[in-house]
Amino acid sequence: MKREKELEPEYDELLDDSCGETLNAMVGRHRATSPVLVFCSDSALEQLVEEISGVTVLELVTDYKVLTEIERADDSGMHRVFATAKENSMRGLDFRAPSLGMVLIVDSAFSSPRDRSQGLSRVGRFGDDCTRVKLGTFDDVDMERSTAIWTRLLRLENAARKMSDFYDMGKMIETTENKRKEKCAAKEKARLAKLVPLNDP
């Protein structure tokens, strides 16, 4: 469906485990009419690459020109399939398919709500047609991984704050010591200025 860019994109299709369609079968069906982007587990990615020819694994891309040729079909008329098991590989990429639209198939939980939002935003860029499909009954966000990530980030933030406080305290002590030395030097200078020089006999 045609849509404007959404702040919080949602799925167009929710397919539970009873739908009977495998990830590979779904990819094969959709790539007959449009390019496909897949986010899945490592094991599902391996199987996808084995069974479907021409899958572009995002983390293995070295020539980024392939990411601008999304709507190019192969000799058999099948459209391109991009796949990854890592959210970072999708981040910052605009998958544009203004003529054909694009299908995103999500077959794995995201690491955090932010990763989910960014992952679902990879298609439908700038109002392009897109369909977002969730395949399975898993939770969108793996809360165990999400909690671990946030805990690690909080630890890093606290460590950085302590280092910053330590650095600021060191600067404050140094500044205070410099002021004390300057004050002592000024007093000594004033004391010496009051001394009357002795005249030679």
N, C-alpha and C. Protein backbone atom coordinates (compact mmCIF):
# COMPACT_ATOMS: atom_id res chain seq x y z
N MET A 1 0.84 -1.19 0.00
CA MET A 1 0.00 0.00 0.00
C MET A 1 0.88 1.24 0.00
N LYS A 2 0.39 2.31 -0.60
CA LYS A 2 1.14 3.56 -0.66
C LYS A 2 0.97 4.27 0.68
N ARG A 3 2.04 4.77 1.24
CA ARG A 3 1.93 5.40 2.54
C ARG A 3 3.00 6.48 2.68
N GLU A 4 2.73 7.42 3.58
CA GLU A 4 3.74 8.41 3.92
C GLU A 4 4.68 7.77 4.94
N LYS A 5 5.83 8.37 5.11
CA LYS A 5 6.78 7.85 6.09
C LYS A 5 6.15 7.93 7.47
N GLU A 6 6.19 6.81 8.20
CA GLU A 6 5.59 6.75 9.52
C GLU A 6 6.67 6.82 10.58
N LEU A 7 6.33 7.42 11.72
CA LEU A 7 7.28 7.46 12.82
C LEU A 7 7.45 6.08 13.43
N GLU A 8 6.35 5.35 13.59
CA GLU A 8 6.39 4.01 14.16
C GLU A 8 5.69 3.05 13.20
N PRO A 9 6.39 2.53 12.21
CA PRO A 9 5.76 1.63 11.24
C PRO A 9 5.30 0.33 11.88
N GLU A 10 4.25 -0.24 11.34
CA GLU A 10 3.71 -1.51 11.84
C GLU A 10 3.66 -2.52 10.71
N TYR A 11 3.33 -3.75 11.05
CA TYR A 11 3.24 -4.81 10.05
C TYR A 11 1.94 -4.69 9.25
N ASP A 12 2.01 -5.09 7.98
CA ASP A 12 0.82 -5.18 7.14
C ASP A 12 0.21 -6.57 7.22
N GLU A 13 1.07 -7.58 7.48
CA GLU A 13 0.60 -8.96 7.60
C GLU A 13 1.24 -9.61 8.81
N LEU A 14 0.42 -10.26 9.64
CA LEU A 14 0.92 -11.02 10.78
C LEU A 14 0.55 -12.47 10.56
N LEU A 15 1.55 -13.30 10.32
CA LEU A 15 1.32 -14.71 10.05
C LEU A 15 1.84 -15.54 11.22
N ASP A 16 0.96 -16.31 11.85
CA ASP A 16 1.42 -17.11 12.98
C ASP A 16 2.03 -18.43 12.49
N ASP A 17 2.45 -19.24 13.44
CA ASP A 17 3.17 -20.48 13.09
C ASP A 17 2.28 -21.48 12.35
N SER A 18 0.96 -21.28 12.40
CA SER A 18 0.05 -22.23 11.76
C SER A 18 -0.19 -21.90 10.29
N CYS A 19 0.45 -20.86 9.77
CA CYS A 19 0.19 -20.47 8.38
C CYS A 19 0.71 -21.52 7.40
N GLY A 20 1.69 -22.32 7.84
CA GLY A 20 2.18 -23.42 7.02
C GLY A 20 3.18 -23.03 5.94
N GLU A 21 3.52 -21.74 5.83
CA GLU A 21 4.45 -21.30 4.80
C GLU A 21 5.82 -21.07 5.41
N THR A 22 6.83 -21.66 4.84
CA THR A 22 8.19 -21.47 5.33
C THR A 22 8.72 -20.12 4.86
N LEU A 23 9.78 -19.68 5.50
CA LEU A 23 10.42 -18.42 5.10
C LEU A 23 10.87 -18.49 3.65
N ASN A 24 11.52 -19.57 3.27
CA ASN A 24 12.04 -19.69 1.91
C ASN A 24 10.92 -19.68 0.87
N ALA A 25 9.81 -20.35 1.18
CA ALA A 25 8.67 -20.37 0.26
C ALA A 25 8.07 -18.98 0.12
N MET A 26 7.98 -18.27 1.23
CA MET A 26 7.43 -16.91 1.19
C MET A 26 8.32 -15.98 0.38
N VAL A 27 9.63 -16.10 0.58
CA VAL A 27 10.57 -15.27 -0.18
C VAL A 27 10.43 -15.58 -1.67
N GLY A 28 10.36 -16.87 -2.03
CA GLY A 28 10.21 -17.26 -3.43
C GLY A 28 8.94 -16.72 -4.05
N ARG A 29 7.86 -16.72 -3.27
CA ARG A 29 6.57 -16.22 -3.78
C ARG A 29 6.61 -14.71 -4.01
N HIS A 30 7.16 -13.97 -3.04
CA HIS A 30 7.16 -12.50 -3.15
C HIS A 30 8.16 -11.98 -4.19
N ARG A 31 9.30 -12.68 -4.35
CA ARG A 31 10.31 -12.16 -5.28
C ARG A 31 9.88 -12.30 -6.73
N ALA A 32 8.78 -12.98 -6.97
CA ALA A 32 8.25 -13.07 -8.34
C ALA A 32 7.67 -11.74 -8.79
N THR A 33 7.31 -10.87 -7.83
CA THR A 33 6.68 -9.60 -8.20
C THR A 33 7.43 -8.37 -7.71
N SER A 34 8.29 -8.53 -6.70
CA SER A 34 8.99 -7.35 -6.16
C SER A 34 10.25 -7.76 -5.41
N PRO A 35 11.15 -6.82 -5.18
CA PRO A 35 12.33 -7.11 -4.37
C PRO A 35 11.92 -7.45 -2.93
N VAL A 36 12.77 -8.20 -2.24
CA VAL A 36 12.46 -8.65 -0.88
C VAL A 36 13.65 -8.37 0.04
N LEU A 37 13.34 -7.90 1.24
CA LEU A 37 14.34 -7.72 2.30
C LEU A 37 13.94 -8.65 3.44
N VAL A 38 14.90 -9.44 3.93
CA VAL A 38 14.61 -10.42 4.98
C VAL A 38 15.47 -10.15 6.20
N PHE A 39 14.83 -10.15 7.38
CA PHE A 39 15.56 -10.13 8.65
C PHE A 39 15.22 -11.43 9.36
N CYS A 40 16.25 -12.24 9.63
CA CYS A 40 15.99 -13.57 10.19
C CYS A 40 17.15 -14.00 11.08
N SER A 41 17.04 -15.20 11.62
CA SER A 41 18.10 -15.74 12.47
C SER A 41 19.29 -16.20 11.62
N ASP A 42 20.41 -16.46 12.27
CA ASP A 42 21.61 -16.94 11.55
C ASP A 42 21.33 -18.24 10.81
N SER A 43 20.66 -19.17 11.49
CA SER A 43 20.40 -20.47 10.87
C SER A 43 19.44 -20.34 9.68
N ALA A 44 18.43 -19.48 9.83
CA ALA A 44 17.49 -19.28 8.72
C ALA A 44 18.18 -18.61 7.54
N LEU A 45 19.13 -17.72 7.83
CA LEU A 45 19.88 -17.06 6.76
C LEU A 45 20.72 -18.07 5.99
N GLU A 46 21.37 -18.97 6.70
CA GLU A 46 22.17 -20.01 6.03
C GLU A 46 21.31 -20.85 5.10
N GLN A 47 20.14 -21.23 5.58
CA GLN A 47 19.24 -22.05 4.78
C GLN A 47 18.72 -21.29 3.57
N LEU A 48 18.44 -20.00 3.77
CA LEU A 48 17.95 -19.15 2.68
C LEU A 48 18.99 -19.06 1.57
N VAL A 49 20.25 -18.85 1.95
CA VAL A 49 21.33 -18.73 0.98
C VAL A 49 21.55 -20.05 0.23
N GLU A 50 21.39 -21.16 0.95
CA GLU A 50 21.56 -22.48 0.32
C GLU A 50 20.47 -22.78 -0.70
N GLU A 51 19.23 -22.41 -0.39
CA GLU A 51 18.10 -22.83 -1.20
C GLU A 51 17.67 -21.82 -2.27
N ILE A 52 18.01 -20.56 -2.09
CA ILE A 52 17.58 -19.54 -3.06
C ILE A 52 18.82 -18.89 -3.68
N SER A 53 18.90 -18.93 -4.98
CA SER A 53 20.09 -18.39 -5.65
C SER A 53 20.03 -16.86 -5.70
N GLY A 54 21.20 -16.26 -5.64
CA GLY A 54 21.30 -14.82 -5.82
C GLY A 54 20.94 -13.99 -4.61
N VAL A 55 20.87 -14.58 -3.41
CA VAL A 55 20.57 -13.80 -2.21
C VAL A 55 21.76 -12.91 -1.86
N THR A 56 21.51 -11.64 -1.65
CA THR A 56 22.56 -10.70 -1.24
C THR A 56 22.55 -10.59 0.27
N VAL A 57 23.60 -11.11 0.91
CA VAL A 57 23.72 -11.02 2.37
C VAL A 57 24.35 -9.67 2.69
N LEU A 58 23.62 -8.83 3.41
CA LEU A 58 24.03 -7.43 3.58
C LEU A 58 25.40 -7.26 4.22
N GLU A 59 25.71 -8.09 5.23
CA GLU A 59 27.00 -7.91 5.89
C GLU A 59 28.18 -8.35 5.03
N LEU A 60 27.92 -9.00 3.91
CA LEU A 60 28.99 -9.41 3.01
C LEU A 60 29.16 -8.48 1.81
N VAL A 61 28.32 -7.44 1.73
CA VAL A 61 28.38 -6.52 0.59
C VAL A 61 29.65 -5.68 0.66
N THR A 62 30.43 -5.70 -0.42
CA THR A 62 31.61 -4.85 -0.52
C THR A 62 31.44 -3.79 -1.61
N ASP A 63 30.64 -4.10 -2.62
CA ASP A 63 30.35 -3.14 -3.68
C ASP A 63 28.94 -2.59 -3.42
N TYR A 64 28.89 -1.38 -2.88
CA TYR A 64 27.60 -0.83 -2.46
C TYR A 64 26.72 -0.40 -3.63
N LYS A 65 27.24 -0.54 -4.84
CA LYS A 65 26.42 -0.25 -6.02
C LYS A 65 25.22 -1.20 -6.10
N VAL A 66 25.39 -2.43 -5.59
CA VAL A 66 24.29 -3.40 -5.65
C VAL A 66 23.09 -2.93 -4.83
N LEU A 67 23.33 -2.07 -3.86
CA LEU A 67 22.24 -1.57 -3.02
C LEU A 67 21.46 -0.44 -3.70
N THR A 68 21.96 0.01 -4.85
CA THR A 68 21.22 1.03 -5.61
C THR A 68 20.50 0.41 -6.80
N GLU A 69 20.69 -0.90 -7.00
CA GLU A 69 20.05 -1.59 -8.12
C GLU A 69 18.99 -2.56 -7.61
N ILE A 70 18.18 -2.08 -6.68
CA ILE A 70 17.23 -2.94 -5.98
C ILE A 70 16.15 -3.50 -6.91
N GLU A 71 15.75 -2.72 -7.90
CA GLU A 71 14.64 -3.16 -8.75
C GLU A 71 15.10 -3.99 -9.96
N ARG A 72 16.40 -4.24 -10.07
CA ARG A 72 16.89 -5.04 -11.19
C ARG A 72 16.52 -6.51 -11.02
N ALA A 73 15.87 -7.09 -12.02
CA ALA A 73 15.49 -8.51 -11.99
C ALA A 73 16.57 -9.34 -12.68
N ASP A 74 16.61 -10.66 -12.38
CA ASP A 74 17.57 -11.52 -13.06
C ASP A 74 16.99 -12.02 -14.38
N ASP A 75 17.72 -12.88 -15.08
CA ASP A 75 17.30 -13.35 -16.40
C ASP A 75 15.97 -14.10 -16.38
N SER A 76 15.64 -14.71 -15.25
CA SER A 76 14.39 -15.46 -15.16
C SER A 76 13.22 -14.58 -14.72
N GLY A 77 13.51 -13.28 -14.53
CA GLY A 77 12.44 -12.35 -14.14
C GLY A 77 12.20 -12.29 -12.64
N MET A 78 13.02 -13.00 -11.86
CA MET A 78 12.88 -12.96 -10.41
C MET A 78 13.60 -11.73 -9.86
N HIS A 79 13.03 -11.15 -8.84
CA HIS A 79 13.58 -9.92 -8.28
C HIS A 79 14.58 -10.21 -7.16
N ARG A 80 15.30 -9.19 -6.78
CA ARG A 80 16.42 -9.35 -5.85
C ARG A 80 15.95 -9.64 -4.43
N VAL A 81 16.78 -10.40 -3.72
CA VAL A 81 16.52 -10.73 -2.32
C VAL A 81 17.73 -10.26 -1.51
N PHE A 82 17.46 -9.41 -0.52
CA PHE A 82 18.49 -8.94 0.40
C PHE A 82 18.17 -9.55 1.76
N ALA A 83 19.17 -10.03 2.47
CA ALA A 83 18.90 -10.70 3.74
C ALA A 83 20.01 -10.44 4.75
N THR A 84 19.63 -10.48 6.02
CA THR A 84 20.61 -10.30 7.09
C THR A 84 20.07 -10.90 8.38
N ALA A 85 21.00 -11.24 9.27
CA ALA A 85 20.63 -11.67 10.62
C ALA A 85 21.10 -10.64 11.63
N LYS A 86 21.60 -9.49 11.14
CA LYS A 86 22.13 -8.46 12.02
C LYS A 86 21.44 -7.12 11.75
N GLU A 87 20.83 -6.55 12.79
CA GLU A 87 20.15 -5.26 12.62
C GLU A 87 21.09 -4.18 12.12
N ASN A 88 22.34 -4.23 12.58
CA ASN A 88 23.31 -3.19 12.19
C ASN A 88 23.52 -3.13 10.69
N SER A 89 23.34 -4.26 10.01
CA SER A 89 23.56 -4.30 8.57
C SER A 89 22.47 -3.55 7.80
N MET A 90 21.31 -3.38 8.42
CA MET A 90 20.22 -2.65 7.76
C MET A 90 20.25 -1.16 8.10
N ARG A 91 20.85 -0.83 9.23
CA ARG A 91 20.76 0.54 9.74
C ARG A 91 21.39 1.54 8.78
N GLY A 92 20.67 2.61 8.53
CA GLY A 92 21.18 3.69 7.68
C GLY A 92 21.01 3.46 6.20
N LEU A 93 20.46 2.31 5.79
CA LEU A 93 20.28 2.02 4.36
C LEU A 93 18.86 2.36 3.93
N ASP A 94 18.73 2.99 2.78
CA ASP A 94 17.42 3.26 2.19
C ASP A 94 17.18 2.25 1.07
N PHE A 95 16.28 1.31 1.30
CA PHE A 95 15.93 0.35 0.26
C PHE A 95 14.80 0.94 -0.56
N ARG A 96 15.14 1.50 -1.72
CA ARG A 96 14.17 2.19 -2.56
C ARG A 96 13.72 1.31 -3.71
N ALA A 97 12.40 1.15 -3.83
CA ALA A 97 11.81 0.43 -4.96
C ALA A 97 10.54 1.17 -5.36
N PRO A 98 10.71 2.38 -5.90
CA PRO A 98 9.54 3.22 -6.18
C PRO A 98 8.61 2.68 -7.26
N SER A 99 9.13 1.88 -8.18
CA SER A 99 8.29 1.35 -9.26
C SER A 99 7.56 0.08 -8.86
N LEU A 100 8.27 -0.80 -8.13
CA LEU A 100 7.73 -2.12 -7.82
C LEU A 100 7.21 -2.26 -6.39
N GLY A 101 7.67 -1.38 -5.51
CA GLY A 101 7.40 -1.61 -4.09
C GLY A 101 8.34 -2.68 -3.57
N MET A 102 8.36 -2.87 -2.27
CA MET A 102 9.29 -3.84 -1.69
C MET A 102 8.62 -4.56 -0.53
N VAL A 103 9.02 -5.81 -0.31
CA VAL A 103 8.47 -6.60 0.79
C VAL A 103 9.56 -6.82 1.83
N LEU A 104 9.22 -6.53 3.10
CA LEU A 104 10.11 -6.84 4.22
C LEU A 104 9.51 -8.01 4.97
N ILE A 105 10.29 -9.08 5.14
CA ILE A 105 9.84 -10.24 5.90
C ILE A 105 10.69 -10.33 7.17
N VAL A 106 10.03 -10.27 8.31
CA VAL A 106 10.71 -10.36 9.60
C VAL A 106 10.44 -11.73 10.19
N ASP A 107 11.52 -12.48 10.43
CA ASP A 107 11.40 -13.85 10.91
C ASP A 107 12.21 -14.05 12.19
N SER A 108 12.53 -12.95 12.87
CA SER A 108 13.33 -13.03 14.09
C SER A 108 13.07 -11.79 14.94
N ALA A 109 13.24 -11.92 16.25
CA ALA A 109 13.02 -10.79 17.16
C ALA A 109 14.16 -9.78 17.05
N PHE A 110 13.83 -8.51 17.26
CA PHE A 110 14.83 -7.46 17.27
C PHE A 110 15.45 -7.35 18.67
N SER A 111 16.62 -6.70 18.73
CA SER A 111 17.35 -6.59 20.00
C SER A 111 16.79 -5.52 20.93
N SER A 112 16.05 -4.57 20.38
CA SER A 112 15.52 -3.48 21.20
C SER A 112 14.37 -2.82 20.44
N PRO A 113 13.52 -2.07 21.15
CA PRO A 113 12.45 -1.33 20.46
C PRO A 113 12.99 -0.38 19.39
N ARG A 114 14.14 0.22 19.65
CA ARG A 114 14.74 1.13 18.67
C ARG A 114 15.14 0.38 17.41
N ASP A 115 15.75 -0.81 17.59
CA ASP A 115 16.14 -1.63 16.43
C ASP A 115 14.90 -2.07 15.65
N ARG A 116 13.82 -2.39 16.36
CA ARG A 116 12.57 -2.77 15.68
C ARG A 116 12.06 -1.62 14.82
N SER A 117 12.01 -0.43 15.40
CA SER A 117 11.51 0.73 14.66
C SER A 117 12.37 1.02 13.43
N GLN A 118 13.70 0.95 13.61
CA GLN A 118 14.60 1.22 12.49
C GLN A 118 14.53 0.11 11.45
N GLY A 119 14.38 -1.14 11.91
CA GLY A 119 14.31 -2.26 10.98
C GLY A 119 13.07 -2.18 10.10
N LEU A 120 11.92 -1.89 10.70
CA LEU A 120 10.68 -1.80 9.93
C LEU A 120 10.68 -0.59 9.00
N SER A 121 11.53 0.38 9.28
CA SER A 121 11.60 1.60 8.44
C SER A 121 12.50 1.44 7.23
N ARG A 122 13.14 0.28 7.07
CA ARG A 122 14.06 0.11 5.93
C ARG A 122 13.32 0.10 4.60
N VAL A 123 12.06 -0.28 4.59
CA VAL A 123 11.26 -0.27 3.36
C VAL A 123 10.18 0.81 3.51
N GLY A 124 9.59 1.16 2.36
CA GLY A 124 8.59 2.21 2.38
C GLY A 124 9.21 3.59 2.53
N ARG A 125 10.47 3.70 2.14
CA ARG A 125 11.17 4.98 2.28
C ARG A 125 10.57 6.02 1.33
N PHE A 126 10.35 7.19 1.86
CA PHE A 126 9.85 8.33 1.06
C PHE A 126 8.54 8.00 0.35
N GLY A 127 7.70 7.22 1.02
CA GLY A 127 6.38 6.94 0.46
C GLY A 127 6.33 5.83 -0.56
N ASP A 128 7.43 5.08 -0.76
CA ASP A 128 7.40 3.94 -1.70
C ASP A 128 6.39 2.90 -1.22
N ASP A 129 5.83 2.15 -2.17
CA ASP A 129 4.97 1.02 -1.82
C ASP A 129 5.78 0.01 -1.02
N CYS A 130 5.18 -0.61 -0.03
CA CYS A 130 5.87 -1.65 0.72
C CYS A 130 4.87 -2.51 1.46
N THR A 131 5.31 -3.71 1.78
CA THR A 131 4.53 -4.62 2.61
C THR A 131 5.46 -5.18 3.67
N ARG A 132 5.07 -5.04 4.92
CA ARG A 132 5.87 -5.55 6.03
C ARG A 132 5.17 -6.78 6.59
N VAL A 133 5.88 -7.90 6.60
CA VAL A 133 5.29 -9.17 7.02
C VAL A 133 6.06 -9.73 8.22
N LYS A 134 5.32 -10.13 9.24
CA LYS A 134 5.93 -10.83 10.38
C LYS A 134 5.55 -12.30 10.26
N LEU A 135 6.55 -13.16 10.20
CA LEU A 135 6.33 -14.58 10.02
C LEU A 135 6.63 -15.32 11.32
N GLY A 136 5.61 -15.65 12.10
CA GLY A 136 5.79 -16.36 13.37
C GLY A 136 5.16 -15.64 14.53
N THR A 137 5.08 -16.33 15.66
CA THR A 137 4.42 -15.77 16.84
C THR A 137 5.40 -15.28 17.90
N PHE A 138 6.66 -15.10 17.55
CA PHE A 138 7.66 -14.61 18.50
C PHE A 138 7.37 -13.15 18.87
N ASP A 139 7.91 -12.72 20.01
CA ASP A 139 7.81 -11.32 20.40
C ASP A 139 8.68 -10.47 19.48
N ASP A 140 8.19 -9.29 19.15
CA ASP A 140 8.95 -8.41 18.26
C ASP A 140 10.34 -8.08 18.81
N VAL A 141 10.40 -7.90 20.13
CA VAL A 141 11.66 -7.51 20.77
C VAL A 141 12.05 -8.59 21.77
N ASP A 142 13.28 -9.06 21.66
CA ASP A 142 13.82 -10.03 22.61
C ASP A 142 14.18 -9.27 23.88
N MET A 143 13.30 -9.32 24.88
CA MET A 143 13.47 -8.50 26.07
C MET A 143 14.73 -8.88 26.86
N GLU A 144 15.13 -10.14 26.81
CA GLU A 144 16.34 -10.56 27.51
C GLU A 144 17.56 -9.87 26.91
N ARG A 145 17.65 -9.89 25.56
CA ARG A 145 18.76 -9.21 24.88
C ARG A 145 18.66 -7.71 25.08
N SER A 146 17.44 -7.17 25.00
CA SER A 146 17.25 -5.73 25.15
C SER A 146 17.70 -5.26 26.53
N THR A 147 17.31 -6.03 27.57
CA THR A 147 17.71 -5.68 28.94
C THR A 147 19.23 -5.75 29.09
N ALA A 148 19.84 -6.78 28.50
CA ALA A 148 21.30 -6.92 28.58
C ALA A 148 22.00 -5.73 27.90
N ILE A 149 21.47 -5.31 26.75
CA ILE A 149 22.06 -4.18 26.03
C ILE A 149 21.96 -2.90 26.85
N TRP A 150 20.76 -2.64 27.41
CA TRP A 150 20.57 -1.42 28.19
C TRP A 150 21.41 -1.45 29.46
N THR A 151 21.54 -2.61 30.08
CA THR A 151 22.37 -2.72 31.28
C THR A 151 23.82 -2.39 30.95
N ARG A 152 24.30 -2.93 29.82
CA ARG A 152 25.69 -2.65 29.41
C ARG A 152 25.88 -1.17 29.10
N LEU A 153 24.89 -0.56 28.42
CA LEU A 153 24.99 0.87 28.10
C LEU A 153 24.99 1.73 29.36
N LEU A 154 24.16 1.34 30.35
CA LEU A 154 24.13 2.09 31.61
C LEU A 154 25.45 1.97 32.36
N ARG A 155 26.04 0.77 32.32
CA ARG A 155 27.35 0.59 32.96
C ARG A 155 28.41 1.46 32.30
N LEU A 156 28.39 1.49 30.97
CA LEU A 156 29.35 2.33 30.24
C LEU A 156 29.14 3.80 30.55
N GLU A 157 27.85 4.19 30.62
CA GLU A 157 27.54 5.60 30.92
C GLU A 157 28.02 5.96 32.33
N ASN A 158 27.78 5.07 33.30
CA ASN A 158 28.22 5.33 34.68
C ASN A 158 29.74 5.39 34.77
N ALA A 159 30.42 4.49 34.05
CA ALA A 159 31.88 4.51 34.05
C ALA A 159 32.41 5.80 33.44
N ALA A 160 31.76 6.24 32.35
CA ALA A 160 32.18 7.50 31.70
C ALA A 160 31.93 8.68 32.63
N ARG A 161 30.81 8.65 33.35
CA ARG A 161 30.50 9.75 34.27
C ARG A 161 31.53 9.80 35.39
N LYS A 162 31.92 8.62 35.92
CA LYS A 162 32.92 8.59 36.99
C LYS A 162 34.26 9.13 36.50
N MET A 163 34.64 8.74 35.27
CA MET A 163 35.89 9.25 34.71
C MET A 163 35.83 10.76 34.53
N SER A 164 34.68 11.25 34.08
CA SER A 164 34.50 12.68 33.88
C SER A 164 34.57 13.41 35.22
N ASP A 165 33.89 12.85 36.25
CA ASP A 165 33.92 13.47 37.58
C ASP A 165 35.34 13.47 38.13
N PHE A 166 36.06 12.35 37.91
CA PHE A 166 37.45 12.26 38.39
C PHE A 166 38.31 13.31 37.71
N TYR A 167 38.12 13.46 36.40
CA TYR A 167 38.89 14.45 35.63
C TYR A 167 38.55 15.86 36.11
N ASP A 168 37.23 16.13 36.28
CA ASP A 168 36.80 17.45 36.75
C ASP A 168 37.34 17.74 38.14
N MET A 169 37.35 16.71 39.03
CA MET A 169 37.87 16.89 40.39
C MET A 169 39.36 17.20 40.34
N GLY A 170 40.08 16.51 39.45
CA GLY A 170 41.51 16.76 39.31
C GLY A 170 41.77 18.19 38.85
N LYS A 171 40.96 18.65 37.90
CA LYS A 171 41.11 20.03 37.42
C LYS A 171 40.80 21.02 38.52
N MET A 172 39.75 20.71 39.34
CA MET A 172 39.37 21.61 40.42
C MET A 172 40.48 21.69 41.46
N ILE A 173 41.08 20.51 41.80
CA ILE A 173 42.17 20.50 42.77
C ILE A 173 43.37 21.29 42.23
N GLU A 174 43.67 21.08 40.95
CA GLU A 174 44.79 21.79 40.32
C GLU A 174 44.54 23.29 40.32
N THR A 175 43.32 23.71 40.00
CA THR A 175 42.98 25.13 39.97
C THR A 175 43.09 25.73 41.37
N THR A 176 42.56 25.00 42.36
CA THR A 176 42.62 25.47 43.76
C THR A 176 44.07 25.61 44.22
N GLU A 177 44.90 24.62 43.87
CA GLU A 177 46.31 24.65 44.25
C GLU A 177 47.03 25.82 43.58
N ASN A 178 46.72 26.07 42.32
CA ASN A 178 47.33 27.19 41.60
C ASN A 178 46.94 28.52 42.23
N LYS A 179 45.64 28.62 42.61
CA LYS A 179 45.18 29.86 43.26
C LYS A 179 45.88 30.06 44.60
N ARG A 180 46.04 28.96 45.36
CA ARG A 180 46.73 29.04 46.65
C ARG A 180 48.18 29.51 46.47
N LYS A 181 48.85 28.94 45.44
CA LYS A 181 50.24 29.33 45.19
C LYS A 181 50.33 30.79 44.77
N GLU A 182 49.39 31.23 43.93
CA GLU A 182 49.39 32.63 43.50
C GLU A 182 49.17 33.57 44.68
N LYS A 183 48.24 33.16 45.59
CA LYS A 183 47.96 33.99 46.77
C LYS A 183 49.18 34.08 47.67
N CYS A 184 49.86 32.94 47.89
CA CYS A 184 51.08 32.92 48.71
C CYS A 184 52.18 33.78 48.08
N ALA A 185 52.31 33.68 46.77
CA ALA A 185 53.33 34.47 46.07
C ALA A 185 53.04 35.95 46.19
N ALA A 186 51.75 36.31 46.10
CA ALA A 186 51.37 37.73 46.22
C ALA A 186 51.66 38.24 47.63
N LYS A 187 51.38 37.42 48.64
CA LYS A 187 51.66 37.82 50.03
C LYS A 187 53.15 38.01 50.25
N GLU A 188 53.93 37.07 49.71
CA GLU A 188 55.38 37.15 49.87
C GLU A 188 55.93 38.40 49.18
N LYS A 189 55.37 38.70 48.01
CA LYS A 189 55.80 39.89 47.27
C LYS A 189 55.48 41.15 48.05
N ALA A 190 54.26 41.16 48.65
CA ALA A 190 53.85 42.32 49.45
C ALA A 190 54.73 42.47 50.69
N ARG A 191 55.09 41.33 51.34
CA ARG A 191 55.95 41.37 52.53
C ARG A 191 57.33 41.90 52.19
N LEU A 192 57.87 41.44 51.07
CA LEU A 192 59.20 41.90 50.67
C LEU A 192 59.21 43.39 50.32
N ALA A 193 58.08 43.84 49.74
CA ALA A 193 58.00 45.26 49.35
C ALA A 193 58.01 46.17 50.56
N LYS A 194 57.55 45.64 51.76
CA LYS A 194 57.50 46.46 52.97
C LYS A 194 58.86 46.56 53.65
N LEU A 195 59.74 45.68 53.34
CA LEU A 195 61.05 45.70 53.97
C LEU A 195 61.85 46.92 53.52
N VAL A 196 62.43 47.64 54.47
CA VAL A 196 63.23 48.80 54.13
C VAL A 196 64.66 48.32 53.85
N PRO A 197 65.20 48.68 52.66
CA PRO A 197 66.56 48.22 52.36
C PRO A 197 67.59 48.87 53.30
N LEU A 198 68.56 48.11 53.78
CA LEU A 198 69.59 48.63 54.67
C LEU A 198 70.60 49.46 53.88
N ASN A 199 71.00 50.60 54.47
CA ASN A 199 71.99 51.44 53.81
C ASN A 199 73.39 50.94 54.13
N ASP A 200 74.24 50.95 53.16
CA ASP A 200 75.62 50.54 53.42
C ASP A 200 76.30 51.59 54.28
N PRO A 201 77.14 51.23 55.30
CA PRO A 201 77.86 52.21 56.15
C PRO A 201 78.90 52.99 55.33
